[in-house]
N, C-alpha and C. Protein backbone atom coordinates (compact mmCIF):
# COMPACT_ATOMS: atom_id res chain seq x y z
N MET A 1 -21.80 -161.85 -61.29
CA MET A 1 -21.99 -161.09 -60.07
C MET A 1 -21.08 -159.87 -60.04
N THR A 2 -19.87 -160.01 -60.51
CA THR A 2 -18.94 -158.89 -60.53
C THR A 2 -19.52 -157.74 -61.35
N HIS A 3 -20.12 -158.07 -62.49
CA HIS A 3 -20.67 -157.02 -63.35
C HIS A 3 -21.79 -156.27 -62.63
N ASN A 4 -22.67 -156.99 -61.88
CA ASN A 4 -23.74 -156.34 -61.15
C ASN A 4 -23.20 -155.43 -60.07
N LEU A 5 -22.16 -155.85 -59.39
CA LEU A 5 -21.55 -155.04 -58.35
C LEU A 5 -20.99 -153.76 -58.96
N GLN A 6 -20.36 -153.88 -60.12
CA GLN A 6 -19.83 -152.70 -60.78
C GLN A 6 -20.95 -151.71 -61.10
N ARG A 7 -22.03 -152.21 -61.60
CA ARG A 7 -23.13 -151.33 -61.96
C ARG A 7 -23.70 -150.64 -60.73
N SER A 8 -23.84 -151.40 -59.63
CA SER A 8 -24.41 -150.81 -58.43
C SER A 8 -23.50 -149.75 -57.84
N GLU A 9 -22.21 -149.86 -58.04
CA GLU A 9 -21.27 -148.86 -57.55
C GLU A 9 -21.13 -147.70 -58.53
N GLY A 10 -21.55 -147.89 -59.77
CA GLY A 10 -21.36 -146.87 -60.78
C GLY A 10 -19.92 -146.76 -61.23
N PHE A 11 -19.16 -147.81 -61.07
CA PHE A 11 -17.74 -147.79 -61.42
C PHE A 11 -17.48 -148.77 -62.54
N ARG A 12 -16.76 -148.30 -63.53
CA ARG A 12 -16.27 -149.18 -64.59
C ARG A 12 -14.85 -148.73 -64.88
N ILE A 13 -13.92 -149.66 -64.80
CA ILE A 13 -12.52 -149.31 -64.99
C ILE A 13 -12.30 -148.81 -66.42
N SER A 14 -11.58 -147.72 -66.54
CA SER A 14 -11.36 -147.13 -67.86
C SER A 14 -10.13 -147.76 -68.53
N PRO A 15 -10.06 -147.65 -69.85
CA PRO A 15 -8.87 -148.15 -70.55
C PRO A 15 -7.58 -147.50 -70.03
N ALA A 16 -7.65 -146.22 -69.68
CA ALA A 16 -6.46 -145.54 -69.15
C ALA A 16 -6.03 -146.12 -67.81
N MET A 17 -7.00 -146.50 -66.98
CA MET A 17 -6.67 -147.11 -65.68
C MET A 17 -6.04 -148.49 -65.88
N VAL A 18 -6.59 -149.26 -66.82
CA VAL A 18 -6.02 -150.57 -67.13
C VAL A 18 -4.58 -150.41 -67.62
N LYS A 19 -4.37 -149.46 -68.51
CA LYS A 19 -3.03 -149.21 -69.06
C LYS A 19 -2.06 -148.82 -67.94
N ALA A 20 -2.51 -147.98 -67.02
CA ALA A 20 -1.66 -147.55 -65.92
C ALA A 20 -1.31 -148.72 -65.00
N LEU A 21 -2.27 -149.57 -64.71
CA LEU A 21 -2.00 -150.75 -63.88
C LEU A 21 -0.98 -151.66 -64.55
N ARG A 22 -1.17 -151.89 -65.84
CA ARG A 22 -0.27 -152.79 -66.55
C ARG A 22 1.13 -152.18 -66.70
N ARG A 23 1.20 -150.87 -66.89
CA ARG A 23 2.50 -150.21 -66.97
C ARG A 23 3.23 -150.33 -65.63
N LEU A 24 2.49 -150.14 -64.55
CA LEU A 24 3.07 -150.29 -63.21
C LEU A 24 3.55 -151.72 -62.99
N ALA A 25 2.69 -152.69 -63.30
CA ALA A 25 3.00 -154.10 -63.03
C ALA A 25 4.13 -154.61 -63.91
N HIS A 26 4.02 -154.39 -65.20
CA HIS A 26 4.99 -154.97 -66.13
C HIS A 26 6.23 -154.10 -66.32
N GLY A 27 6.02 -152.80 -66.41
CA GLY A 27 7.14 -151.89 -66.66
C GLY A 27 7.94 -151.59 -65.41
N GLN A 28 7.28 -151.02 -64.41
CA GLN A 28 8.00 -150.57 -63.22
C GLN A 28 8.36 -151.72 -62.28
N LYS A 29 7.43 -152.66 -62.11
CA LYS A 29 7.67 -153.76 -61.16
C LYS A 29 8.28 -154.99 -61.81
N GLY A 30 8.23 -155.07 -63.14
CA GLY A 30 8.86 -156.18 -63.85
C GLY A 30 8.14 -157.50 -63.77
N LEU A 31 6.82 -157.47 -63.52
CA LEU A 31 6.08 -158.72 -63.40
C LEU A 31 5.82 -159.34 -64.77
N ASP A 32 5.87 -160.65 -64.83
CA ASP A 32 5.44 -161.33 -66.06
C ASP A 32 3.92 -161.46 -66.02
N GLU A 33 3.33 -161.86 -67.11
CA GLU A 33 1.87 -161.92 -67.22
C GLU A 33 1.26 -162.87 -66.19
N GLU A 34 1.87 -164.03 -65.98
CA GLU A 34 1.34 -165.01 -65.02
C GLU A 34 1.31 -164.44 -63.60
N THR A 35 2.36 -163.74 -63.22
CA THR A 35 2.42 -163.16 -61.87
C THR A 35 1.41 -162.03 -61.73
N TYR A 36 1.28 -161.21 -62.77
CA TYR A 36 0.27 -160.14 -62.75
C TYR A 36 -1.12 -160.74 -62.57
N ARG A 37 -1.43 -161.78 -63.33
CA ARG A 37 -2.74 -162.44 -63.23
C ARG A 37 -2.97 -163.00 -61.84
N ALA A 38 -1.92 -163.52 -61.19
CA ALA A 38 -2.04 -164.04 -59.83
C ALA A 38 -2.44 -162.91 -58.86
N HIS A 39 -1.88 -161.73 -59.07
CA HIS A 39 -2.25 -160.58 -58.23
C HIS A 39 -3.70 -160.17 -58.49
N VAL A 40 -4.13 -160.19 -59.73
CA VAL A 40 -5.52 -159.87 -60.06
C VAL A 40 -6.46 -160.88 -59.38
N ARG A 41 -6.12 -162.16 -59.47
CA ARG A 41 -6.95 -163.18 -58.82
C ARG A 41 -6.94 -163.03 -57.30
N ALA A 42 -5.82 -162.60 -56.74
CA ALA A 42 -5.70 -162.46 -55.29
C ALA A 42 -6.66 -161.40 -54.73
N VAL A 43 -7.08 -160.46 -55.56
CA VAL A 43 -8.05 -159.46 -55.11
C VAL A 43 -9.48 -159.86 -55.47
N GLY A 44 -9.65 -161.08 -55.98
CA GLY A 44 -10.98 -161.64 -56.23
C GLY A 44 -11.54 -161.41 -57.60
N CYS A 45 -10.69 -161.27 -58.60
CA CYS A 45 -11.15 -160.99 -59.95
C CYS A 45 -10.37 -161.84 -60.95
N GLU A 46 -10.98 -162.14 -62.07
CA GLU A 46 -10.30 -162.91 -63.11
C GLU A 46 -9.71 -162.01 -64.20
N SER A 47 -10.28 -160.83 -64.37
CA SER A 47 -9.86 -159.94 -65.44
C SER A 47 -9.74 -158.52 -64.90
N THR A 48 -8.73 -157.81 -65.34
CA THR A 48 -8.57 -156.41 -64.96
C THR A 48 -9.80 -155.60 -65.34
N LEU A 49 -10.43 -155.94 -66.46
CA LEU A 49 -11.60 -155.20 -66.93
C LEU A 49 -12.81 -155.35 -66.00
N ASP A 50 -12.82 -156.37 -65.15
CA ASP A 50 -13.96 -156.62 -64.26
C ASP A 50 -13.72 -156.11 -62.84
N LEU A 51 -12.61 -155.41 -62.60
CA LEU A 51 -12.32 -154.93 -61.25
C LEU A 51 -13.38 -153.95 -60.75
N THR A 52 -13.80 -154.13 -59.51
CA THR A 52 -14.64 -153.14 -58.84
C THR A 52 -13.71 -152.07 -58.28
N ARG A 53 -14.27 -150.99 -57.77
CA ARG A 53 -13.45 -149.94 -57.19
C ARG A 53 -12.60 -150.48 -56.02
N PRO A 54 -13.18 -151.24 -55.07
CA PRO A 54 -12.35 -151.77 -53.98
C PRO A 54 -11.27 -152.76 -54.47
N GLN A 55 -11.59 -153.55 -55.48
CA GLN A 55 -10.61 -154.47 -56.04
C GLN A 55 -9.48 -153.71 -56.73
N HIS A 56 -9.82 -152.65 -57.44
CA HIS A 56 -8.81 -151.81 -58.10
C HIS A 56 -7.88 -151.23 -57.04
N ALA A 57 -8.45 -150.70 -55.96
CA ALA A 57 -7.64 -150.11 -54.89
C ALA A 57 -6.74 -151.17 -54.25
N ALA A 58 -7.27 -152.37 -54.04
CA ALA A 58 -6.48 -153.45 -53.44
C ALA A 58 -5.35 -153.89 -54.36
N LEU A 59 -5.64 -153.99 -55.66
CA LEU A 59 -4.61 -154.39 -56.62
C LEU A 59 -3.52 -153.32 -56.70
N LEU A 60 -3.93 -152.08 -56.76
CA LEU A 60 -2.95 -150.99 -56.80
C LEU A 60 -2.07 -151.00 -55.56
N GLN A 61 -2.67 -151.22 -54.41
CA GLN A 61 -1.90 -151.29 -53.16
C GLN A 61 -0.90 -152.44 -53.20
N ARG A 62 -1.33 -153.60 -53.69
CA ARG A 62 -0.43 -154.76 -53.80
C ARG A 62 0.74 -154.47 -54.73
N LEU A 63 0.45 -153.86 -55.87
CA LEU A 63 1.50 -153.59 -56.85
C LEU A 63 2.49 -152.53 -56.36
N VAL A 64 1.98 -151.48 -55.75
CA VAL A 64 2.86 -150.41 -55.24
C VAL A 64 3.79 -150.95 -54.16
N ALA A 65 3.33 -151.92 -53.38
CA ALA A 65 4.13 -152.48 -52.29
C ALA A 65 5.31 -153.33 -52.79
N LEU A 66 5.23 -153.78 -54.05
CA LEU A 66 6.31 -154.60 -54.60
C LEU A 66 7.54 -153.74 -54.90
N PRO A 67 8.73 -154.33 -54.81
CA PRO A 67 9.93 -153.56 -55.16
C PRO A 67 9.97 -153.31 -56.67
N ASP A 68 10.53 -152.17 -57.05
CA ASP A 68 10.73 -151.89 -58.47
C ASP A 68 11.81 -152.81 -59.01
N SER A 69 11.65 -153.20 -60.26
CA SER A 69 12.71 -153.99 -60.90
C SER A 69 13.76 -153.02 -61.42
N PRO A 70 15.03 -153.43 -61.45
CA PRO A 70 16.06 -152.54 -62.00
C PRO A 70 15.72 -152.09 -63.41
N LYS A 71 15.19 -153.00 -64.23
CA LYS A 71 14.78 -152.67 -65.60
C LYS A 71 13.64 -151.67 -65.56
N GLY A 72 12.72 -151.83 -64.60
CA GLY A 72 11.55 -150.98 -64.48
C GLY A 72 11.91 -149.54 -64.20
N ARG A 73 12.91 -149.32 -63.40
CA ARG A 73 13.31 -147.96 -63.07
C ARG A 73 13.72 -147.21 -64.34
N GLY A 74 14.40 -147.90 -65.25
CA GLY A 74 14.78 -147.27 -66.51
C GLY A 74 13.57 -146.93 -67.35
N ASN A 75 12.57 -147.83 -67.38
CA ASN A 75 11.36 -147.57 -68.14
C ASN A 75 10.59 -146.40 -67.56
N ALA A 76 10.59 -146.28 -66.22
CA ALA A 76 9.83 -145.21 -65.58
C ALA A 76 10.40 -143.85 -65.97
N ARG A 77 11.71 -143.74 -66.13
CA ARG A 77 12.31 -142.47 -66.51
C ARG A 77 11.95 -142.08 -67.93
N ARG A 78 11.79 -143.07 -68.80
CA ARG A 78 11.48 -142.78 -70.21
C ARG A 78 10.02 -142.40 -70.39
N ALA A 79 9.16 -142.90 -69.50
CA ALA A 79 7.71 -142.70 -69.67
C ALA A 79 7.29 -141.27 -69.44
C-alpha cells in the first residue's frame, strides 16, 4: 500500500534525501540504528526508502526536534 501511495503522490525519496536523513540522525543527533528505525516506524513506515512525502516531513520534524549530540556537533562542522 505504501508503494501505491507514493505513486499516486508522484513522490519517491531520492538517495540524496535518504543520505541527508541518515546524516542528520546518526551524525548530528547521534542516534544508533535501532533508535533511528524506531523513529521511521513511528511515522508509519518500515524503511526510509518507502517514505511518502508526509512521512518524510514527519520524520524530518521528529529528528530536527531532537537535541544534537556533542559528537554530532563536531561532525556537522566537518561536513
